[in-house]
Amino acid sequence: AQLEEGTTATDYIPTGATKSGAPRFDHDPVTGESLGLLIEEERTNNMLNSGTTAEMVANSGVIRTSGGFAAPDGSTEASRVDLPAVTASNQVKIITEQFNGLQTSTFYTASIYLKGINGGELVYLTFQSGTPTSFVAANLTTEWQRFDITGTTNSGILYFNVGVDTRSGTGQANQPAQSFYAWGAQLEEGSFPTSYIPTS
């Protein structure tokens, strides 16, 4: 029997007469080779319902099916996102989340796990807090990959977008329709991503 703080169960931690925690270990995601103890600073995931990405709003024309698809952690929390074709400049085809009340002039890092339906899909992570907008290209395969983007807030409001927004310089016009799975969205204060922190 085990009772632990959090929204997901971890590996069994045997105990004796006192409460006990277990160290976490880092592993190479490709080979599975142990990289030793995982030591990270304390962080908070500001994204609610991070597994299903239910907090992220689908832009007009975008279809987001929240939850029900196999995720990297073995659950069925992943979502499917279907982007329509981008046929002209100044078009926005994204799923997005707005965060309010953040620290100004502070580094924040957004991250998300993505997986292409067929492989070869190209979407962008966009991080916007005032101007300018920064973006990272995500070339998807049929395997789960974690993508992240870091930027500094110009105000207490931040937008984290996934998709194609030609207004911010991401992508080109006349892109075909694309579909992908999304899971494990995270926004944390700091200049680099830490391990995924599930939220409800």
C-alpha atoms as a PDB file:
ATOM      1  CA  ALA A   1       0.000   0.000   0.000  1.00  0.00           C
ATOM      2  CA  GLN A   2       1.217   3.493  -0.799  1.00  0.00           C
ATOM      3  CA  LEU A   3      -0.086   7.021  -0.264  1.00  0.00           C
ATOM      4  CA  GLU A   4       1.872   9.896  -1.832  1.00  0.00           C
ATOM      5  CA  GLU A   5       1.353  13.546  -2.676  1.00  0.00           C
ATOM      6  CA  GLY A   6       0.680  14.134  -6.366  1.00  0.00           C
ATOM      7  CA  THR A   7      -1.742  13.277  -9.171  1.00  0.00           C
ATOM      8  CA  THR A   8       0.014  10.151 -10.455  1.00  0.00           C
ATOM      9  CA  ALA A   9       1.377   7.028  -8.799  1.00  0.00           C
ATOM     10  CA  THR A  10       5.145   6.506  -8.858  1.00  0.00           C
ATOM     11  CA  ASP A  11       7.084   3.250  -8.465  1.00  0.00           C
ATOM     12  CA  TYR A  12       6.463   1.454  -5.195  1.00  0.00           C
ATOM     13  CA  ILE A  13       8.522   2.819  -2.270  1.00  0.00           C
ATOM     14  CA  PRO A  14       8.903   0.207   0.503  1.00  0.00           C
ATOM     15  CA  THR A  15       8.752   1.512   4.080  1.00  0.00           C
ATOM     16  CA  GLY A  16       9.443   0.224   7.567  1.00  0.00           C
ATOM     17  CA  ALA A  17       8.254   1.852  10.767  1.00  0.00           C
ATOM     18  CA  THR A  18       8.733   5.385   9.415  1.00  0.00           C
ATOM     19  CA  LYS A  19       7.692   7.317   6.311  1.00  0.00           C
ATOM     20  CA  SER A  20      10.127   7.088   3.435  1.00  0.00           C
ATOM     21  CA  GLY A  21      10.850   8.745   0.127  1.00  0.00           C
ATOM     22  CA  ALA A  22      12.903   7.354  -2.712  1.00  0.00           C
ATOM     23  CA  PRO A  23      15.551   9.092  -4.821  1.00  0.00           C
ATOM     24  CA  ARG A  24      14.714   9.752  -8.461  1.00  0.00           C
ATOM     25  CA  PHE A  25      17.058   8.661 -11.223  1.00  0.00           C
ATOM     26  CA  ASP A  26      17.648  10.190 -14.636  1.00  0.00           C
ATOM     27  CA  HIS A  27      17.849   7.999 -17.763  1.00  0.00           C
ATOM     28  CA  ASP A  28      18.872   8.515 -21.362  1.00  0.00           C
ATOM     29  CA  PRO A  29      15.514   8.683 -23.241  1.00  0.00           C
ATOM     30  CA  VAL A  30      16.910   6.770 -26.227  1.00  0.00           C
ATOM     31  CA  THR A  31      19.093   4.039 -24.709  1.00  0.00           C
ATOM     32  CA  GLY A  32      17.502   3.815 -21.263  1.00  0.00           C
ATOM     33  CA  GLU A  33      20.963   4.012 -19.700  1.00  0.00           C
ATOM     34  CA  SER A  34      21.010   5.356 -16.144  1.00  0.00           C
ATOM     35  CA  LEU A  35      22.516   8.840 -15.843  1.00  0.00           C
ATOM     36  CA  GLY A  36      22.571   8.805 -12.057  1.00  0.00           C
ATOM     37  CA  LEU A  37      20.550  10.670  -9.455  1.00  0.00           C
ATOM     38  CA  LEU A  38      18.157  13.308 -10.753  1.00  0.00           C
ATOM     39  CA  ILE A  39      18.731  16.511  -8.803  1.00  0.00           C
ATOM     40  CA  GLU A  40      16.589  19.476  -9.734  1.00  0.00           C
ATOM     41  CA  GLU A  41      15.557  22.761  -8.190  1.00  0.00           C
ATOM     42  CA  GLU A  42      11.969  23.186  -7.051  1.00  0.00           C
ATOM     43  CA  ARG A  43       9.611  24.376  -9.789  1.00  0.00           C
ATOM     44  CA  THR A  44       5.873  24.875 -10.300  1.00  0.00           C
ATOM     45  CA  ASN A  45       3.913  23.992 -13.428  1.00  0.00           C
ATOM     46  CA  ASN A  46       1.557  26.920 -14.090  1.00  0.00           C
ATOM     47  CA  MET A  47      -0.453  24.935 -16.659  1.00  0.00           C
ATOM     48  CA  LEU A  48      -3.604  23.287 -15.293  1.00  0.00           C
ATOM     49  CA  ASN A  49      -4.821  19.949 -16.725  1.00  0.00           C
ATOM     50  CA  SER A  50      -1.369  19.526 -18.218  1.00  0.00           C
ATOM     51  CA  GLY A  51      -1.897  15.981 -19.469  1.00  0.00           C
ATOM     52  CA  THR A  52      -4.955  16.617 -21.625  1.00  0.00           C
ATOM     53  CA  THR A  53      -3.905  20.200 -22.482  1.00  0.00           C
ATOM     54  CA  ALA A  54      -7.560  21.046 -21.742  1.00  0.00           C
ATOM     55  CA  GLU A  55      -6.624  24.602 -20.739  1.00  0.00           C
ATOM     56  CA  MET A  56      -5.240  25.372 -24.190  1.00  0.00           C
ATOM     57  CA  VAL A  57      -7.892  27.019 -26.360  1.00  0.00           C
ATOM     58  CA  ALA A  58      -8.228  25.993 -30.007  1.00  0.00           C
ATOM     59  CA  ASN A  59      -8.031  28.887 -32.449  1.00  0.00           C
ATOM     60  CA  SER A  60     -10.797  29.248 -35.043  1.00  0.00           C
ATOM     61  CA  GLY A  61     -10.752  26.325 -37.458  1.00  0.00           C
ATOM     62  CA  VAL A  62      -8.519  24.175 -35.253  1.00  0.00           C
ATOM     63  CA  ILE A  63      -9.992  20.961 -33.822  1.00  0.00           C
ATOM     64  CA  ARG A  64      -8.613  19.804 -30.462  1.00  0.00           C
ATOM     65  CA  THR A  65      -9.874  16.510 -29.020  1.00  0.00           C
ATOM     66  CA  SER A  66      -8.902  16.715 -25.361  1.00  0.00           C
ATOM     67  CA  GLY A  67      -7.767  13.391 -23.899  1.00  0.00           C
ATOM     68  CA  GLY A  68      -8.453   9.810 -24.939  1.00  0.00           C
ATOM     69  CA  PHE A  69      -5.163   9.061 -26.730  1.00  0.00           C
ATOM     70  CA  ALA A  70      -2.116   7.105 -25.545  1.00  0.00           C
ATOM     71  CA  ALA A  71       0.449   9.294 -23.750  1.00  0.00           C
ATOM     72  CA  PRO A  72       4.147   8.726 -22.943  1.00  0.00           C
ATOM     73  CA  ASP A  73       3.347   7.873 -19.308  1.00  0.00           C
ATOM     74  CA  GLY A  74       1.051   4.998 -20.283  1.00  0.00           C
ATOM     75  CA  SER A  75      -2.165   6.932 -19.625  1.00  0.00           C
ATOM     76  CA  THR A  76      -4.750   7.945 -22.227  1.00  0.00           C
ATOM     77  CA  GLU A  77      -4.551  11.673 -21.434  1.00  0.00           C
ATOM     78  CA  ALA A  78      -2.961  12.841 -24.681  1.00  0.00           C
ATOM     79  CA  SER A  79      -4.976  15.111 -26.973  1.00  0.00           C
ATOM     80  CA  ARG A  80      -5.232  15.206 -30.745  1.00  0.00           C
ATOM     81  CA  VAL A  81      -4.893  18.512 -32.597  1.00  0.00           C
ATOM     82  CA  ASP A  82      -5.970  18.968 -36.216  1.00  0.00           C
ATOM     83  CA  LEU A  83      -4.687  22.149 -37.886  1.00  0.00           C
ATOM     84  CA  PRO A  84      -6.398  23.255 -41.115  1.00  0.00           C
ATOM     85  CA  ALA A  85      -4.298  24.291 -44.078  1.00  0.00           C
ATOM     86  CA  VAL A  86      -2.590  27.683 -43.930  1.00  0.00           C
ATOM     87  CA  THR A  87      -3.397  29.379 -47.212  1.00  0.00           C
ATOM     88  CA  ALA A  88      -2.327  32.997 -46.713  1.00  0.00           C
ATOM     89  CA  SER A  89      -0.162  35.279 -44.620  1.00  0.00           C
ATOM     90  CA  ASN A  90      -1.444  36.653 -41.320  1.00  0.00           C
ATOM     91  CA  GLN A  91      -3.280  33.416 -40.544  1.00  0.00           C
ATOM     92  CA  VAL A  92      -3.361  31.938 -37.045  1.00  0.00           C
ATOM     93  CA  LYS A  93      -3.863  28.179 -36.569  1.00  0.00           C
ATOM     94  CA  ILE A  94      -2.898  27.338 -32.995  1.00  0.00           C
ATOM     95  CA  ILE A  95      -3.850  26.001 -29.616  1.00  0.00           C
ATOM     96  CA  THR A  96      -3.034  28.615 -26.989  1.00  0.00           C
ATOM     97  CA  GLU A  97      -2.989  29.338 -23.272  1.00  0.00           C
ATOM     98  CA  GLN A  98      -2.878  32.772 -21.647  1.00  0.00           C
ATOM     99  CA  PHE A  99      -1.158  33.169 -18.274  1.00  0.00           C
ATOM    100  CA  ASN A 100      -1.798  36.196 -16.070  1.00  0.00           C
ATOM    101  CA  GLY A 101      -0.135  37.558 -12.958  1.00  0.00           C
ATOM    102  CA  LEU A 102       3.400  36.430 -13.829  1.00  0.00           C
ATOM    103  CA  GLN A 103       6.603  38.151 -12.760  1.00  0.00           C
ATOM    104  CA  THR A 104       7.795  40.832 -15.190  1.00  0.00           C
ATOM    105  CA  SER A 105      11.297  40.825 -16.730  1.00  0.00           C
ATOM    106  CA  THR A 106      11.622  37.173 -15.718  1.00  0.00           C
ATOM    107  CA  PHE A 107      12.670  34.059 -17.621  1.00  0.00           C
ATOM    108  CA  TYR A 108       9.907  31.516 -18.196  1.00  0.00           C
ATOM    109  CA  THR A 109      10.172  28.203 -20.030  1.00  0.00           C
ATOM    110  CA  ALA A 110       7.261  26.502 -21.770  1.00  0.00           C
ATOM    111  CA  SER A 111       7.446  22.859 -22.855  1.00  0.00           C
ATOM    112  CA  ILE A 112       5.180  20.207 -24.333  1.00  0.00           C
ATOM    113  CA  TYR A 113       5.379  16.651 -25.670  1.00  0.00           C
ATOM    114  CA  LEU A 114       4.344  16.312 -29.325  1.00  0.00           C
ATOM    115  CA  LYS A 115       3.952  13.374 -31.705  1.00  0.00           C
ATOM    116  CA  GLY A 116       3.003  13.461 -35.378  1.00  0.00           C
ATOM    117  CA  ILE A 117       0.117  11.399 -36.720  1.00  0.00           C
ATOM    118  CA  ASN A 118       2.078  10.436 -39.844  1.00  0.00           C
ATOM    119  CA  GLY A 119       5.485  11.999 -39.174  1.00  0.00           C
ATOM    120  CA  GLY A 120       6.926  14.988 -40.990  1.00  0.00           C
ATOM    121  CA  GLU A 121       4.493  17.510 -39.526  1.00  0.00           C
ATOM    122  CA  LEU A 122       5.949  20.957 -38.820  1.00  0.00           C
ATOM    123  CA  VAL A 123       4.490  23.165 -36.096  1.00  0.00           C
ATOM    124  CA  TYR A 124       5.866  25.945 -33.952  1.00  0.00           C
ATOM    125  CA  LEU A 125       6.047  26.755 -30.265  1.00  0.00           C
ATOM    126  CA  THR A 126       5.406  30.468 -29.837  1.00  0.00           C
ATOM    127  CA  PHE A 127       6.159  32.425 -26.688  1.00  0.00           C
ATOM    128  CA  GLN A 128       4.678  35.923 -26.533  1.00  0.00           C
ATOM    129  CA  SER A 129       4.754  38.512 -23.771  1.00  0.00           C
ATOM    130  CA  GLY A 130       4.404  41.899 -25.352  1.00  0.00           C
ATOM    131  CA  THR A 131       6.853  42.121 -28.260  1.00  0.00           C
ATOM    132  CA  PRO A 132       8.803  40.634 -29.894  1.00  0.00           C
ATOM    133  CA  THR A 133       7.441  37.125 -30.367  1.00  0.00           C
ATOM    134  CA  SER A 134       9.930  34.258 -30.275  1.00  0.00           C
ATOM    135  CA  PHE A 135       9.308  30.832 -31.766  1.00  0.00           C
ATOM    136  CA  VAL A 136      10.861  27.358 -32.036  1.00  0.00           C
ATOM    137  CA  ALA A 137      10.231  24.974 -34.939  1.00  0.00           C
ATOM    138  CA  ALA A 138       9.083  21.478 -33.988  1.00  0.00           C
ATOM    139  CA  ASN A 139       9.696  18.856 -36.648  1.00  0.00           C
ATOM    140  CA  LEU A 140       7.497  15.949 -35.601  1.00  0.00           C
ATOM    141  CA  THR A 141       8.018  12.223 -35.975  1.00  0.00           C
ATOM    142  CA  THR A 142       5.803   9.299 -35.001  1.00  0.00           C
ATOM    143  CA  GLU A 143       7.639   9.135 -31.655  1.00  0.00           C
ATOM    144  CA  TRP A 144       7.001  11.390 -28.670  1.00  0.00           C
ATOM    145  CA  GLN A 145       9.434  14.297 -28.352  1.00  0.00           C
ATOM    146  CA  ARG A 146       9.581  17.081 -25.806  1.00  0.00           C
ATOM    147  CA  PHE A 147      10.000  20.603 -27.181  1.00  0.00           C
ATOM    148  CA  ASP A 148      10.645  23.730 -25.147  1.00  0.00           C
ATOM    149  CA  ILE A 149      10.974  27.477 -25.572  1.00  0.00           C
ATOM    150  CA  THR A 150      12.347  30.099 -23.172  1.00  0.00           C
ATOM    151  CA  GLY A 151      11.774  33.831 -23.109  1.00  0.00           C
ATOM    152  CA  THR A 152      11.560  36.875 -20.864  1.00  0.00           C
ATOM    153  CA  THR A 153       8.255  38.410 -19.863  1.00  0.00           C
ATOM    154  CA  ASN A 154       7.731  42.046 -20.813  1.00  0.00           C
ATOM    155  CA  SER A 155       4.558  42.168 -18.733  1.00  0.00           C
ATOM    156  CA  GLY A 156       2.647  39.952 -16.307  1.00  0.00           C
ATOM    157  CA  ILE A 157       0.820  38.305 -19.235  1.00  0.00           C
ATOM    158  CA  LEU A 158       2.252  35.511 -21.370  1.00  0.00           C
ATOM    159  CA  TYR A 159       0.853  33.497 -24.272  1.00  0.00           C
ATOM    160  CA  PHE A 160       2.093  29.980 -25.062  1.00  0.00           C
ATOM    161  CA  ASN A 161       0.991  28.802 -28.519  1.00  0.00           C
ATOM    162  CA  VAL A 162       1.480  25.579 -30.481  1.00  0.00           C
ATOM    163  CA  GLY A 163       0.689  25.558 -34.198  1.00  0.00           C
ATOM    164  CA  VAL A 164       1.284  28.020 -37.037  1.00  0.00           C
ATOM    165  CA  ASP A 165       1.000  31.803 -36.714  1.00  0.00           C
ATOM    166  CA  THR A 166       2.334  33.515 -39.838  1.00  0.00           C
ATOM    167  CA  ARG A 167       1.951  36.947 -38.190  1.00  0.00           C
ATOM    168  CA  SER A 168       4.931  36.146 -35.942  1.00  0.00           C
ATOM    169  CA  GLY A 169       7.140  34.863 -38.754  1.00  0.00           C
ATOM    170  CA  THR A 170       6.513  31.197 -38.114  1.00  0.00           C
ATOM    171  CA  GLY A 171       6.050  29.031 -41.145  1.00  0.00           C
ATOM    172  CA  GLN A 172       5.010  29.925 -44.654  1.00  0.00           C
ATOM    173  CA  ALA A 173       1.686  30.447 -46.342  1.00  0.00           C
ATOM    174  CA  ASN A 174       0.210  27.483 -48.224  1.00  0.00           C
ATOM    175  CA  GLN A 175       1.064  24.854 -45.614  1.00  0.00           C
ATOM    176  CA  PRO A 176      -1.063  21.704 -45.774  1.00  0.00           C
ATOM    177  CA  ALA A 177      -3.361  20.572 -43.000  1.00  0.00           C
ATOM    178  CA  GLN A 178      -1.469  18.853 -40.191  1.00  0.00           C
ATOM    179  CA  SER A 179      -2.436  16.650 -37.262  1.00  0.00           C
ATOM    180  CA  PHE A 180      -0.520  15.708 -34.122  1.00  0.00           C
ATOM    181  CA  TYR A 181      -0.853  14.505 -30.535  1.00  0.00           C
ATOM    182  CA  ALA A 182      -0.026  16.738 -27.552  1.00  0.00           C
ATOM    183  CA  TRP A 183       0.599  15.925 -23.888  1.00  0.00           C
ATOM    184  CA  GLY A 184       2.414  17.216 -20.834  1.00  0.00           C
ATOM    185  CA  ALA A 185       2.239  20.990 -21.304  1.00  0.00           C
ATOM    186  CA  GLN A 186       4.285  22.951 -18.774  1.00  0.00           C
ATOM    187  CA  LEU A 187       5.072  26.580 -17.994  1.00  0.00           C
ATOM    188  CA  GLU A 188       7.646  27.192 -15.278  1.00  0.00           C
ATOM    189  CA  GLU A 189       9.674  30.113 -14.042  1.00  0.00           C
ATOM    190  CA  GLY A 190      13.292  29.617 -15.081  1.00  0.00           C
ATOM    191  CA  SER A 191      15.598  29.670 -18.079  1.00  0.00           C
ATOM    192  CA  PHE A 192      15.520  25.907 -18.765  1.00  0.00           C
ATOM    193  CA  PRO A 193      12.953  23.091 -18.481  1.00  0.00           C
ATOM    194  CA  THR A 194      12.885  20.614 -15.602  1.00  0.00           C
ATOM    195  CA  SER A 195      11.173  17.231 -15.447  1.00  0.00           C
ATOM    196  CA  TYR A 196       7.501  17.176 -16.315  1.00  0.00           C
ATOM    197  CA  ILE A 197       5.234  18.122 -13.384  1.00  0.00           C
ATOM    198  CA  PRO A 198       1.705  16.714 -13.925  1.00  0.00           C
ATOM    199  CA  THR A 199      -1.206  18.918 -12.859  1.00  0.00           C
ATOM    200  CA  SER A 200      -4.962  18.523 -12.579  1.00  0.00           C
END
